[in-house]
Amino acid sequence: MMSSKSINFELNKLIGAKMLRVRQLAGLSQQNVADDLGFSPTTYSKLENGKIDFTVTRLVQLANYFKVYAADFLDPSLDVPRMLSEVRPISEYQSMETKFEVLREMFGNALK
């Protein structure tokens, strides 16, 4: 059985565009990020331009570096991933009803 690798160019472009925006908001150059993460500048540029595939490990590494939610890179409804500090932890909500509403927003129809 042959294994074929499928590349989702649209998804790569979506993630790369969000990386560009979050990097610019952080006031960093591609060289800064590449140096900090141990990537070559060429590799980082290709990631930002959607020219190479993202691994889950690399996506999480970038999310941790920028202090954003990794899943937000995959959400086409968001222009820029949310900063981890922008969302209050569930433990801060007082009522169980409010906690449930937050969970419903996070997980959608799966909680209905």
PDB file of N, CA and C in Angstrom:
ATOM      1  N   MET A   1       0.838  -1.177   0.000  1.00  0.00           N
ATOM      2  CA  MET A   1       0.000   0.000   0.000  1.00  0.00           C
ATOM      3  C   MET A   1       0.888   1.247   0.000  1.00  0.00           C
ATOM      4  N   MET A   2       0.683   2.096  -0.970  1.00  0.00           N
ATOM      5  CA  MET A   2       1.498   3.308  -1.063  1.00  0.00           C
ATOM      6  C   MET A   2       0.959   4.389  -0.156  1.00  0.00           C
ATOM      7  N   SER A   3       1.870   5.094   0.454  1.00  0.00           N
ATOM      8  CA  SER A   3       1.501   6.227   1.289  1.00  0.00           C
ATOM      9  C   SER A   3       1.720   7.498   0.485  1.00  0.00           C
ATOM     10  N   SER A   4       0.711   8.331   0.463  1.00  0.00           N
ATOM     11  CA  SER A   4       0.897   9.605  -0.237  1.00  0.00           C
ATOM     12  C   SER A   4       0.682  10.743   0.745  1.00  0.00           C
ATOM     13  N   LYS A   5       1.549  11.708   0.648  1.00  0.00           N
ATOM     14  CA  LYS A   5       1.466  12.854   1.536  1.00  0.00           C
ATOM     15  C   LYS A   5       0.608  13.911   0.858  1.00  0.00           C
ATOM     16  N   SER A   6      -0.417  14.338   1.557  1.00  0.00           N
ATOM     17  CA  SER A   6      -1.281  15.380   1.043  1.00  0.00           C
ATOM     18  C   SER A   6      -0.917  16.699   1.712  1.00  0.00           C
ATOM     19  N   ILE A   7      -0.727  17.723   0.920  1.00  0.00           N
ATOM     20  CA  ILE A   7      -0.359  19.027   1.449  1.00  0.00           C
ATOM     21  C   ILE A   7      -1.548  19.963   1.282  1.00  0.00           C
ATOM     22  N   ASN A   8      -1.947  20.581   2.373  1.00  0.00           N
ATOM     23  CA  ASN A   8      -3.047  21.517   2.333  1.00  0.00           C
ATOM     24  C   ASN A   8      -2.466  22.930   2.234  1.00  0.00           C
ATOM     25  N   PHE A   9      -2.313  23.405   1.010  1.00  0.00           N
ATOM     26  CA  PHE A   9      -1.681  24.702   0.785  1.00  0.00           C
ATOM     27  C   PHE A   9      -2.488  25.845   1.392  1.00  0.00           C
ATOM     28  N   GLU A  10      -3.816  25.745   1.329  1.00  0.00           N
ATOM     29  CA  GLU A  10      -4.660  26.811   1.888  1.00  0.00           C
ATOM     30  C   GLU A  10      -4.472  26.909   3.397  1.00  0.00           C
ATOM     31  N   LEU A  11      -4.405  25.769   4.060  1.00  0.00           N
ATOM     32  CA  LEU A  11      -4.202  25.770   5.513  1.00  0.00           C
ATOM     33  C   LEU A  11      -2.821  26.328   5.853  1.00  0.00           C
ATOM     34  N   ASN A  12      -1.809  25.930   5.090  1.00  0.00           N
ATOM     35  CA  ASN A  12      -0.455  26.459   5.314  1.00  0.00           C
ATOM     36  C   ASN A  12      -0.432  27.979   5.157  1.00  0.00           C
ATOM     37  N   LYS A  13      -1.146  28.495   4.152  1.00  0.00           N
ATOM     38  CA  LYS A  13      -1.197  29.943   3.928  1.00  0.00           C
ATOM     39  C   LYS A  13      -1.940  30.642   5.069  1.00  0.00           C
ATOM     40  N   LEU A  14      -3.025  30.029   5.550  1.00  0.00           N
ATOM     41  CA  LEU A  14      -3.797  30.585   6.669  1.00  0.00           C
ATOM     42  C   LEU A  14      -2.913  30.712   7.908  1.00  0.00           C
ATOM     43  N   ILE A  15      -2.219  29.632   8.243  1.00  0.00           N
ATOM     44  CA  ILE A  15      -1.348  29.637   9.424  1.00  0.00           C
ATOM     45  C   ILE A  15      -0.208  30.629   9.238  1.00  0.00           C
ATOM     46  N   GLY A  16       0.406  30.625   8.069  1.00  0.00           N
ATOM     47  CA  GLY A  16       1.516  31.529   7.800  1.00  0.00           C
ATOM     48  C   GLY A  16       1.123  33.000   7.910  1.00  0.00           C
ATOM     49  N   ALA A  17      -0.057  33.333   7.390  1.00  0.00           N
ATOM     50  CA  ALA A  17      -0.534  34.723   7.468  1.00  0.00           C
ATOM     51  C   ALA A  17      -0.751  35.136   8.917  1.00  0.00           C
ATOM     52  N   LYS A  18      -1.247  34.223   9.731  1.00  0.00           N
ATOM     53  CA  LYS A  18      -1.453  34.532  11.149  1.00  0.00           C
ATOM     54  C   LYS A  18      -0.118  34.666  11.877  1.00  0.00           C
ATOM     55  N   MET A  19       0.848  33.849  11.486  1.00  0.00           N
ATOM     56  CA  MET A  19       2.189  33.976  12.070  1.00  0.00           C
ATOM     57  C   MET A  19       2.761  35.345  11.767  1.00  0.00           C
ATOM     58  N   LEU A  20       2.600  35.786  10.528  1.00  0.00           N
ATOM     59  CA  LEU A  20       3.096  37.101  10.125  1.00  0.00           C
ATOM     60  C   LEU A  20       2.454  38.196  10.987  1.00  0.00           C
ATOM     61  N   ARG A  21       1.131  38.139  11.143  1.00  0.00           N
ATOM     62  CA  ARG A  21       0.436  39.169  11.918  1.00  0.00           C
ATOM     63  C   ARG A  21       0.876  39.178  13.380  1.00  0.00           C
ATOM     64  N   VAL A  22       0.968  38.010  13.978  1.00  0.00           N
ATOM     65  CA  VAL A  22       1.327  37.956  15.397  1.00  0.00           C
ATOM     66  C   VAL A  22       2.783  38.377  15.595  1.00  0.00           C
ATOM     67  N   ARG A  23       3.637  38.051  14.647  1.00  0.00           N
ATOM     68  CA  ARG A  23       5.039  38.475  14.732  1.00  0.00           C
ATOM     69  C   ARG A  23       5.142  39.989  14.626  1.00  0.00           C
ATOM     70  N   GLN A  24       4.408  40.565  13.680  1.00  0.00           N
ATOM     71  CA  GLN A  24       4.431  42.018  13.511  1.00  0.00           C
ATOM     72  C   GLN A  24       3.878  42.728  14.746  1.00  0.00           C
ATOM     73  N   LEU A  25       2.810  42.178  15.312  1.00  0.00           N
ATOM     74  CA  LEU A  25       2.248  42.769  16.536  1.00  0.00           C
ATOM     75  C   LEU A  25       3.250  42.719  17.687  1.00  0.00           C
ATOM     76  N   ALA A  26       4.090  41.692  17.687  1.00  0.00           N
ATOM     77  CA  ALA A  26       5.118  41.559  18.727  1.00  0.00           C
ATOM     78  C   ALA A  26       6.328  42.453  18.446  1.00  0.00           C
ATOM     79  N   GLY A  27       6.360  43.053  17.249  1.00  0.00           N
ATOM     80  CA  GLY A  27       7.466  43.929  16.892  1.00  0.00           C
ATOM     81  C   GLY A  27       8.771  43.198  16.631  1.00  0.00           C
ATOM     82  N   LEU A  28       8.660  41.981  16.115  1.00  0.00           N
ATOM     83  CA  LEU A  28       9.846  41.158  15.864  1.00  0.00           C
ATOM     84  C   LEU A  28      10.085  40.985  14.369  1.00  0.00           C
ATOM     85  N   SER A  29      11.334  40.775  14.013  1.00  0.00           N
ATOM     86  CA  SER A  29      11.672  40.461  12.626  1.00  0.00           C
ATOM     87  C   SER A  29      11.657  38.946  12.449  1.00  0.00           C
ATOM     88  N   GLN A  30      11.634  38.508  11.193  1.00  0.00           N
ATOM     89  CA  GLN A  30      11.739  37.071  10.933  1.00  0.00           C
ATOM     90  C   GLN A  30      13.045  36.535  11.506  1.00  0.00           C
ATOM     91  N   GLN A  31      14.101  37.314  11.383  1.00  0.00           N
ATOM     92  CA  GLN A  31      15.412  36.903  11.906  1.00  0.00           C
ATOM     93  C   GLN A  31      15.353  36.700  13.420  1.00  0.00           C
ATOM     94  N   ASN A  32      14.670  37.619  14.137  1.00  0.00           N
ATOM     95  CA  ASN A  32      14.529  37.488  15.591  1.00  0.00           C
ATOM     96  C   ASN A  32      13.902  36.149  15.956  1.00  0.00           C
ATOM     97  N   VAL A  33      12.774  35.856  15.315  1.00  0.00           N
ATOM     98  CA  VAL A  33      12.035  34.634  15.643  1.00  0.00           C
ATOM     99  C   VAL A  33      12.838  33.400  15.248  1.00  0.00           C
ATOM    100  N   ALA A  34      13.418  33.424  14.064  1.00  0.00           N
ATOM    101  CA  ALA A  34      14.222  32.284  13.604  1.00  0.00           C
ATOM    102  C   ALA A  34      15.361  32.012  14.581  1.00  0.00           C
ATOM    103  N   ASP A  35      16.064  33.056  15.009  1.00  0.00           N
ATOM    104  CA  ASP A  35      17.171  32.893  15.964  1.00  0.00           C
ATOM    105  C   ASP A  35      16.676  32.319  17.290  1.00  0.00           C
ATOM    106  N   ASP A  36      15.575  32.878  17.805  1.00  0.00           N
ATOM    107  CA  ASP A  36      15.051  32.436  19.095  1.00  0.00           C
ATOM    108  C   ASP A  36      14.598  30.984  19.072  1.00  0.00           C
ATOM    109  N   LEU A  37      14.040  30.544  17.948  1.00  0.00           N
ATOM    110  CA  LEU A  37      13.493  29.183  17.865  1.00  0.00           C
ATOM    111  C   LEU A  37      14.458  28.173  17.256  1.00  0.00           C
ATOM    112  N   GLY A  38      15.604  28.653  16.792  1.00  0.00           N
ATOM    113  CA  GLY A  38      16.578  27.734  16.214  1.00  0.00           C
ATOM    114  C   GLY A  38      16.240  27.292  14.806  1.00  0.00           C
ATOM    115  N   PHE A  39      15.453  28.100  14.087  1.00  0.00           N
ATOM    116  CA  PHE A  39      15.151  27.829  12.687  1.00  0.00           C
ATOM    117  C   PHE A  39      16.142  28.606  11.841  1.00  0.00           C
ATOM    118  N   SER A  40      16.345  28.163  10.614  1.00  0.00           N
ATOM    119  CA  SER A  40      17.095  29.010   9.693  1.00  0.00           C
ATOM    120  C   SER A  40      16.135  30.125   9.263  1.00  0.00           C
ATOM    121  N   PRO A  41      16.663  31.286   8.917  1.00  0.00           N
ATOM    122  CA  PRO A  41      15.783  32.356   8.442  1.00  0.00           C
ATOM    123  C   PRO A  41      14.969  31.940   7.219  1.00  0.00           C
ATOM    124  N   THR A  42      15.563  31.113   6.360  1.00  0.00           N
ATOM    125  CA  THR A  42      14.857  30.639   5.171  1.00  0.00           C
ATOM    126  C   THR A  42      13.663  29.761   5.554  1.00  0.00           C
ATOM    127  N   THR A  43      13.871  28.858   6.509  1.00  0.00           N
ATOM    128  CA  THR A  43      12.783  27.990   6.962  1.00  0.00           C
ATOM    129  C   THR A  43      11.656  28.817   7.558  1.00  0.00           C
ATOM    130  N   TYR A  44      12.021  29.783   8.405  1.00  0.00           N
ATOM    131  CA  TYR A  44      10.974  30.597   9.027  1.00  0.00           C
ATOM    132  C   TYR A  44      10.208  31.382   7.960  1.00  0.00           C
ATOM    133  N   SER A  45      10.905  31.942   6.995  1.00  0.00           N
ATOM    134  CA  SER A  45      10.254  32.688   5.924  1.00  0.00           C
ATOM    135  C   SER A  45       9.292  31.785   5.149  1.00  0.00           C
ATOM    136  N   LYS A  46       9.720  30.564   4.855  1.00  0.00           N
ATOM    137  CA  LYS A  46       8.858  29.619   4.131  1.00  0.00           C
ATOM    138  C   LYS A  46       7.630  29.254   4.947  1.00  0.00           C
ATOM    139  N   LEU A  47       7.783  29.140   6.272  1.00  0.00           N
ATOM    140  CA  LEU A  47       6.629  28.861   7.129  1.00  0.00           C
ATOM    141  C   LEU A  47       5.628  30.016   7.050  1.00  0.00           C
ATOM    142  N   GLU A  48       6.135  31.224   7.181  1.00  0.00           N
ATOM    143  CA  GLU A  48       5.271  32.399   7.165  1.00  0.00           C
ATOM    144  C   GLU A  48       4.594  32.584   5.815  1.00  0.00           C
ATOM    145  N   ASN A  49       5.237  32.148   4.762  1.00  0.00           N
ATOM    146  CA  ASN A  49       4.669  32.274   3.419  1.00  0.00           C
ATOM    147  C   ASN A  49       3.849  31.055   3.001  1.00  0.00           C
ATOM    148  N   GLY A  50       3.681  30.105   3.906  1.00  0.00           N
ATOM    149  CA  GLY A  50       2.856  28.933   3.628  1.00  0.00           C
ATOM    150  C   GLY A  50       3.449  27.980   2.621  1.00  0.00           C
ATOM    151  N   LYS A  51       4.780  27.983   2.483  1.00  0.00           N
ATOM    152  CA  LYS A  51       5.427  27.157   1.459  1.00  0.00           C
ATOM    153  C   LYS A  51       5.882  25.798   1.962  1.00  0.00           C
ATOM    154  N   ILE A  52       5.849  25.584   3.285  1.00  0.00           N
ATOM    155  CA  ILE A  52       6.153  24.248   3.821  1.00  0.00           C
ATOM    156  C   ILE A  52       5.112  23.884   4.866  1.00  0.00           C
ATOM    157  N   ASP A  53       4.921  22.590   5.031  1.00  0.00           N
ATOM    158  CA  ASP A  53       3.921  22.078   5.966  1.00  0.00           C
ATOM    159  C   ASP A  53       4.283  22.354   7.422  1.00  0.00           C
ATOM    160  N   PHE A  54       3.263  22.522   8.212  1.00  0.00           N
ATOM    161  CA  PHE A  54       3.419  22.680   9.657  1.00  0.00           C
ATOM    162  C   PHE A  54       3.207  21.335  10.324  1.00  0.00           C
ATOM    163  N   THR A  55       4.083  21.009  11.258  1.00  0.00           N
ATOM    164  CA  THR A  55       3.832  19.849  12.109  1.00  0.00           C
ATOM    165  C   THR A  55       3.109  20.369  13.340  1.00  0.00           C
ATOM    166  N   VAL A  56       2.437  19.493  14.033  1.00  0.00           N
ATOM    167  CA  VAL A  56       1.767  19.882  15.271  1.00  0.00           C
ATOM    168  C   VAL A  56       2.797  20.402  16.263  1.00  0.00           C
ATOM    169  N   THR A  57       3.924  19.735  16.340  1.00  0.00           N
ATOM    170  CA  THR A  57       4.987  20.154  17.264  1.00  0.00           C
ATOM    171  C   THR A  57       5.453  21.563  16.950  1.00  0.00           C
ATOM    172  N   ARG A  58       5.657  21.854  15.685  1.00  0.00           N
ATOM    173  CA  ARG A  58       6.122  23.186  15.291  1.00  0.00           C
ATOM    174  C   ARG A  58       5.056  24.242  15.570  1.00  0.00           C
ATOM    175  N   LEU A  59       3.787  23.904  15.312  1.00  0.00           N
ATOM    176  CA  LEU A  59       2.698  24.840  15.563  1.00  0.00           C
ATOM    177  C   LEU A  59       2.598  25.176  17.053  1.00  0.00           C
ATOM    178  N   VAL A  60       2.713  24.166  17.890  1.00  0.00           N
ATOM    179  CA  VAL A  60       2.674  24.388  19.340  1.00  0.00           C
ATOM    180  C   VAL A  60       3.891  25.195  19.787  1.00  0.00           C
ATOM    181  N   GLN A  61       5.041  24.903  19.215  1.00  0.00           N
ATOM    182  CA  GLN A  61       6.260  25.658  19.542  1.00  0.00           C
ATOM    183  C   GLN A  61       6.073  27.145  19.212  1.00  0.00           C
ATOM    184  N   LEU A  62       5.513  27.435  18.065  1.00  0.00           N
ATOM    185  CA  LEU A  62       5.274  28.827  17.667  1.00  0.00           C
ATOM    186  C   LEU A  62       4.228  29.484  18.563  1.00  0.00           C
ATOM    187  N   ALA A  63       3.162  28.759  18.881  1.00  0.00           N
ATOM    188  CA  ALA A  63       2.124  29.304  19.757  1.00  0.00           C
ATOM    189  C   ALA A  63       2.701  29.627  21.134  1.00  0.00           C
ATOM    190  N   ASN A  64       3.515  28.726  21.667  1.00  0.00           N
ATOM    191  CA  ASN A  64       4.136  28.979  22.966  1.00  0.00           C
ATOM    192  C   ASN A  64       5.064  30.185  22.898  1.00  0.00           C
ATOM    193  N   TYR A  65       5.811  30.301  21.833  1.00  0.00           N
ATOM    194  CA  TYR A  65       6.739  31.412  21.662  1.00  0.00           C
ATOM    195  C   TYR A  65       5.996  32.756  21.650  1.00  0.00           C
ATOM    196  N   PHE A  66       4.895  32.806  20.885  1.00  0.00           N
ATOM    197  CA  PHE A  66       4.135  34.050  20.776  1.00  0.00           C
ATOM    198  C   PHE A  66       3.103  34.223  21.896  1.00  0.00           C
ATOM    199  N   LYS A  67       2.971  33.186  22.759  1.00  0.00           N
ATOM    200  CA  LYS A  67       2.008  33.203  23.869  1.00  0.00           C
ATOM    201  C   LYS A  67       0.572  33.383  23.360  1.00  0.00           C
ATOM    202  N   VAL A  68       0.229  32.558  22.362  1.00  0.00           N
ATOM    203  CA  VAL A  68      -1.112  32.564  21.789  1.00  0.00           C
ATOM    204  C   VAL A  68      -1.659  31.130  21.802  1.00  0.00           C
ATOM    205  N   TYR A  69      -2.952  31.014  21.532  1.00  0.00           N
ATOM    206  CA  TYR A  69      -3.583  29.699  21.458  1.00  0.00           C
ATOM    207  C   TYR A  69      -3.225  29.018  20.142  1.00  0.00           C
ATOM    208  N   ALA A  70      -2.677  27.823  20.215  1.00  0.00           N
ATOM    209  CA  ALA A  70      -2.283  27.089  19.011  1.00  0.00           C
ATOM    210  C   ALA A  70      -3.485  26.821  18.111  1.00  0.00           C
ATOM    211  N   ALA A  71      -4.616  26.464  18.693  1.00  0.00           N
ATOM    212  CA  ALA A  71      -5.808  26.151  17.898  1.00  0.00           C
ATOM    213  C   ALA A  71      -6.283  27.344  17.078  1.00  0.00           C
ATOM    214  N   ASP A  72      -5.994  28.562  17.543  1.00  0.00           N
ATOM    215  CA  ASP A  72      -6.433  29.753  16.825  1.00  0.00           C
ATOM    216  C   ASP A  72      -5.743  29.904  15.470  1.00  0.00           C
ATOM    217  N   PHE A  73      -4.600  29.275  15.286  1.00  0.00           N
ATOM    218  CA  PHE A  73      -3.937  29.311  13.975  1.00  0.00           C
ATOM    219  C   PHE A  73      -4.777  28.573  12.937  1.00  0.00           C
ATOM    220  N   LEU A  74      -5.610  27.630  13.389  1.00  0.00           N
ATOM    221  CA  LEU A  74      -6.407  26.807  12.487  1.00  0.00           C
ATOM    222  C   LEU A  74      -7.817  27.342  12.269  1.00  0.00           C
ATOM    223  N   ASP A  75      -8.215  28.356  13.024  1.00  0.00           N
ATOM    224  CA  ASP A  75      -9.574  28.886  12.973  1.00  0.00           C
ATOM    225  C   ASP A  75      -9.663  29.992  11.923  1.00  0.00           C
ATOM    226  N   PRO A  76     -10.334  29.735  10.786  1.00  0.00           N
ATOM    227  CA  PRO A  76     -10.396  30.741   9.733  1.00  0.00           C
ATOM    228  C   PRO A  76     -11.205  31.983  10.119  1.00  0.00           C
ATOM    229  N   SER A  77     -11.984  31.915  11.194  1.00  0.00           N
ATOM    230  CA  SER A  77     -12.783  33.071  11.591  1.00  0.00           C
ATOM    231  C   SER A  77     -11.968  34.108  12.364  1.00  0.00           C
ATOM    232  N   LEU A  78     -10.738  33.769  12.741  1.00  0.00           N
ATOM    233  CA  LEU A  78      -9.882  34.691  13.479  1.00  0.00           C
ATOM    234  C   LEU A  78      -8.768  35.207  12.585  1.00  0.00           C
ATOM    235  N   ASP A  79      -8.555  36.518  12.600  1.00  0.00           N
ATOM    236  CA  ASP A  79      -7.459  37.098  11.827  1.00  0.00           C
ATOM    237  C   ASP A  79      -6.122  36.919  12.522  1.00  0.00           C
ATOM    238  N   VAL A  80      -6.156  36.969  13.845  1.00  0.00           N
ATOM    239  CA  VAL A  80      -4.939  36.862  14.649  1.00  0.00           C
ATOM    240  C   VAL A  80      -5.247  35.943  15.831  1.00  0.00           C
ATOM    241  N   PRO A  81      -4.347  35.018  16.150  1.00  0.00           N
ATOM    242  CA  PRO A  81      -4.574  34.168  17.321  1.00  0.00           C
ATOM    243  C   PRO A  81      -4.695  35.012  18.593  1.00  0.00           C
ATOM    244  N   ARG A  82      -5.570  34.571  19.497  1.00  0.00           N
ATOM    245  CA  ARG A  82      -5.754  35.275  20.768  1.00  0.00           C
ATOM    246  C   ARG A  82      -4.555  35.040  21.674  1.00  0.00           C
ATOM    247  N   MET A  83      -4.167  36.094  22.366  1.00  0.00           N
ATOM    248  CA  MET A  83      -3.099  35.978  23.358  1.00  0.00           C
ATOM    249  C   MET A  83      -3.626  35.155  24.530  1.00  0.00           C
ATOM    250  N   LEU A  84      -2.768  34.349  25.120  1.00  0.00           N
ATOM    251  CA  LEU A  84      -3.180  33.537  26.268  1.00  0.00           C
ATOM    252  C   LEU A  84      -3.718  34.406  27.393  1.00  0.00           C
ATOM    253  N   SER A  85      -3.196  35.619  27.533  1.00  0.00           N
ATOM    254  CA  SER A  85      -3.630  36.511  28.611  1.00  0.00           C
ATOM    255  C   SER A  85      -4.990  37.151  28.343  1.00  0.00           C
ATOM    256  N   GLU A  86      -5.530  37.030  27.126  1.00  0.00           N
ATOM    257  CA  GLU A  86      -6.808  37.663  26.789  1.00  0.00           C
ATOM    258  C   GLU A  86      -8.011  36.876  27.280  1.00  0.00           C
ATOM    259  N   VAL A  87      -7.844  35.621  27.564  1.00  0.00           N
ATOM    260  CA  VAL A  87      -8.968  34.773  27.949  1.00  0.00           C
ATOM    261  C   VAL A  87      -8.813  34.391  29.408  1.00  0.00           C
ATOM    262  N   ARG A  88      -9.861  34.677  30.179  1.00  0.00           N
ATOM    263  CA  ARG A  88      -9.801  34.345  31.605  1.00  0.00           C
ATOM    264  C   ARG A  88      -9.924  32.843  31.800  1.00  0.00           C
ATOM    265  N   PRO A  89      -9.162  32.306  32.746  1.00  0.00           N
ATOM    266  CA  PRO A  89      -9.330  30.879  33.034  1.00  0.00           C
ATOM    267  C   PRO A  89     -10.710  30.611  33.607  1.00  0.00           C
ATOM    268  N   ILE A  90     -11.236  29.443  33.338  1.00  0.00           N
ATOM    269  CA  ILE A  90     -12.572  29.078  33.808  1.00  0.00           C
ATOM    270  C   ILE A  90     -12.682  29.205  35.324  1.00  0.00           C
ATOM    271  N   SER A  91     -11.611  28.955  36.045  1.00  0.00           N
ATOM    272  CA  SER A  91     -11.650  29.020  37.508  1.00  0.00           C
ATOM    273  C   SER A  91     -12.021  30.413  38.027  1.00  0.00           C
ATOM    274  N   GLU A  92     -11.867  31.435  37.202  1.00  0.00           N
ATOM    275  CA  GLU A  92     -12.207  32.797  37.618  1.00  0.00           C
ATOM    276  C   GLU A  92     -13.701  33.084  37.541  1.00  0.00           C
ATOM    277  N   TYR A  93     -14.444  32.270  36.848  1.00  0.00           N
ATOM    278  CA  TYR A  93     -15.879  32.505  36.738  1.00  0.00           C
ATOM    279  C   TYR A  93     -16.577  31.994  37.991  1.00  0.00           C
ATOM    280  N   GLN A  94     -17.500  32.801  38.486  1.00  0.00           N
ATOM    281  CA  GLN A  94     -18.134  32.503  39.772  1.00  0.00           C
ATOM    282  C   GLN A  94     -19.225  31.438  39.679  1.00  0.00           C
ATOM    283  N   SER A  95     -20.117  31.570  38.746  1.00  0.00           N
ATOM    284  CA  SER A  95     -21.247  30.641  38.718  1.00  0.00           C
ATOM    285  C   SER A  95     -20.994  29.487  37.754  1.00  0.00           C
ATOM    286  N   MET A  96     -21.596  28.369  38.064  1.00  0.00           N
ATOM    287  CA  MET A  96     -21.483  27.212  37.179  1.00  0.00           C
ATOM    288  C   MET A  96     -22.138  27.512  35.829  1.00  0.00           C
ATOM    289  N   GLU A  97     -23.195  28.302  35.826  1.00  0.00           N
ATOM    290  CA  GLU A  97     -23.868  28.649  34.579  1.00  0.00           C
ATOM    291  C   GLU A  97     -22.912  29.416  33.662  1.00  0.00           C
ATOM    292  N   THR A  98     -22.176  30.346  34.228  1.00  0.00           N
ATOM    293  CA  THR A  98     -21.212  31.113  33.436  1.00  0.00           C
ATOM    294  C   THR A  98     -20.113  30.200  32.925  1.00  0.00           C
ATOM    295  N   LYS A  99     -19.648  29.287  33.761  1.00  0.00           N
ATOM    296  CA  LYS A  99     -18.615  28.337  33.334  1.00  0.00           C
ATOM    297  C   LYS A  99     -19.116  27.500  32.157  1.00  0.00           C
ATOM    298  N   PHE A 100     -20.385  27.064  32.248  1.00  0.00           N
ATOM    299  CA  PHE A 100     -20.943  26.255  31.182  1.00  0.00           C
ATOM    300  C   PHE A 100     -21.030  27.062  29.881  1.00  0.00           C
ATOM    301  N   GLU A 101     -21.414  28.333  29.973  1.00  0.00           N
ATOM    302  CA  GLU A 101     -21.484  29.179  28.789  1.00  0.00           C
ATOM    303  C   GLU A 101     -20.106  29.322  28.131  1.00  0.00           C
ATOM    304  N   VAL A 102     -19.081  29.484  28.957  1.00  0.00           N
ATOM    305  CA  VAL A 102     -17.719  29.600  28.425  1.00  0.00           C
ATOM    306  C   VAL A 102     -17.326  28.301  27.731  1.00  0.00           C
ATOM    307  N   LEU A 103     -17.616  27.173  28.356  1.00  0.00           N
ATOM    308  CA  LEU A 103     -17.293  25.884  27.742  1.00  0.00           C
ATOM    309  C   LEU A 103     -18.062  25.699  26.440  1.00  0.00           C
ATOM    310  N   ARG A 104     -19.322  26.106  26.415  1.00  0.00           N
ATOM    311  CA  ARG A 104     -20.124  25.983  25.194  1.00  0.00           C
ATOM    312  C   ARG A 104     -19.498  26.817  24.080  1.00  0.00           C
ATOM    313  N   GLU A 105     -19.037  28.024  24.412  1.00  0.00           N
ATOM    314  CA  GLU A 105     -18.379  28.857  23.405  1.00  0.00           C
ATOM    315  C   GLU A 105     -17.103  28.200  22.895  1.00  0.00           C
ATOM    316  N   MET A 106     -16.362  27.568  23.809  1.00  0.00           N
ATOM    317  CA  MET A 106     -15.092  26.953  23.434  1.00  0.00           C
ATOM    318  C   MET A 106     -15.291  25.701  22.577  1.00  0.00           C
ATOM    319  N   PHE A 107     -16.331  24.915  22.905  1.00  0.00           N
ATOM    320  CA  PHE A 107     -16.490  23.605  22.258  1.00  0.00           C
ATOM    321  C   PHE A 107     -17.707  23.519  21.360  1.00  0.00           C
ATOM    322  N   GLY A 108     -18.428  24.590  21.207  1.00  0.00           N
ATOM    323  CA  GLY A 108     -19.533  24.641  20.268  1.00  0.00           C
ATOM    324  C   GLY A 108     -20.674  23.690  20.593  1.00  0.00           C
ATOM    325  N   ASN A 109     -21.238  23.114  19.564  1.00  0.00           N
ATOM    326  CA  ASN A 109     -22.428  22.279  19.696  1.00  0.00           C
ATOM    327  C   ASN A 109     -22.186  20.958  20.390  1.00  0.00           C
ATOM    328  N   ALA A 110     -20.970  20.602  20.626  1.00  0.00           N
ATOM    329  CA  ALA A 110     -20.673  19.311  21.264  1.00  0.00           C
ATOM    330  C   ALA A 110     -21.245  19.252  22.684  1.00  0.00           C
ATOM    331  N   LEU A 111     -21.537  20.382  23.292  1.00  0.00           N
ATOM    332  CA  LEU A 111     -22.049  20.403  24.667  1.00  0.00           C
ATOM    333  C   LEU A 111     -23.547  20.579  24.741  1.00  0.00           C
ATOM    334  N   LYS A 112     -24.257  20.503  23.638  1.00  0.00           N
ATOM    335  CA  LYS A 112     -25.718  20.677  23.661  1.00  0.00           C
ATOM    336  C   LYS A 112     -26.413  19.391  23.960  1.00  0.00           C
TER     337      LYS A 112
END
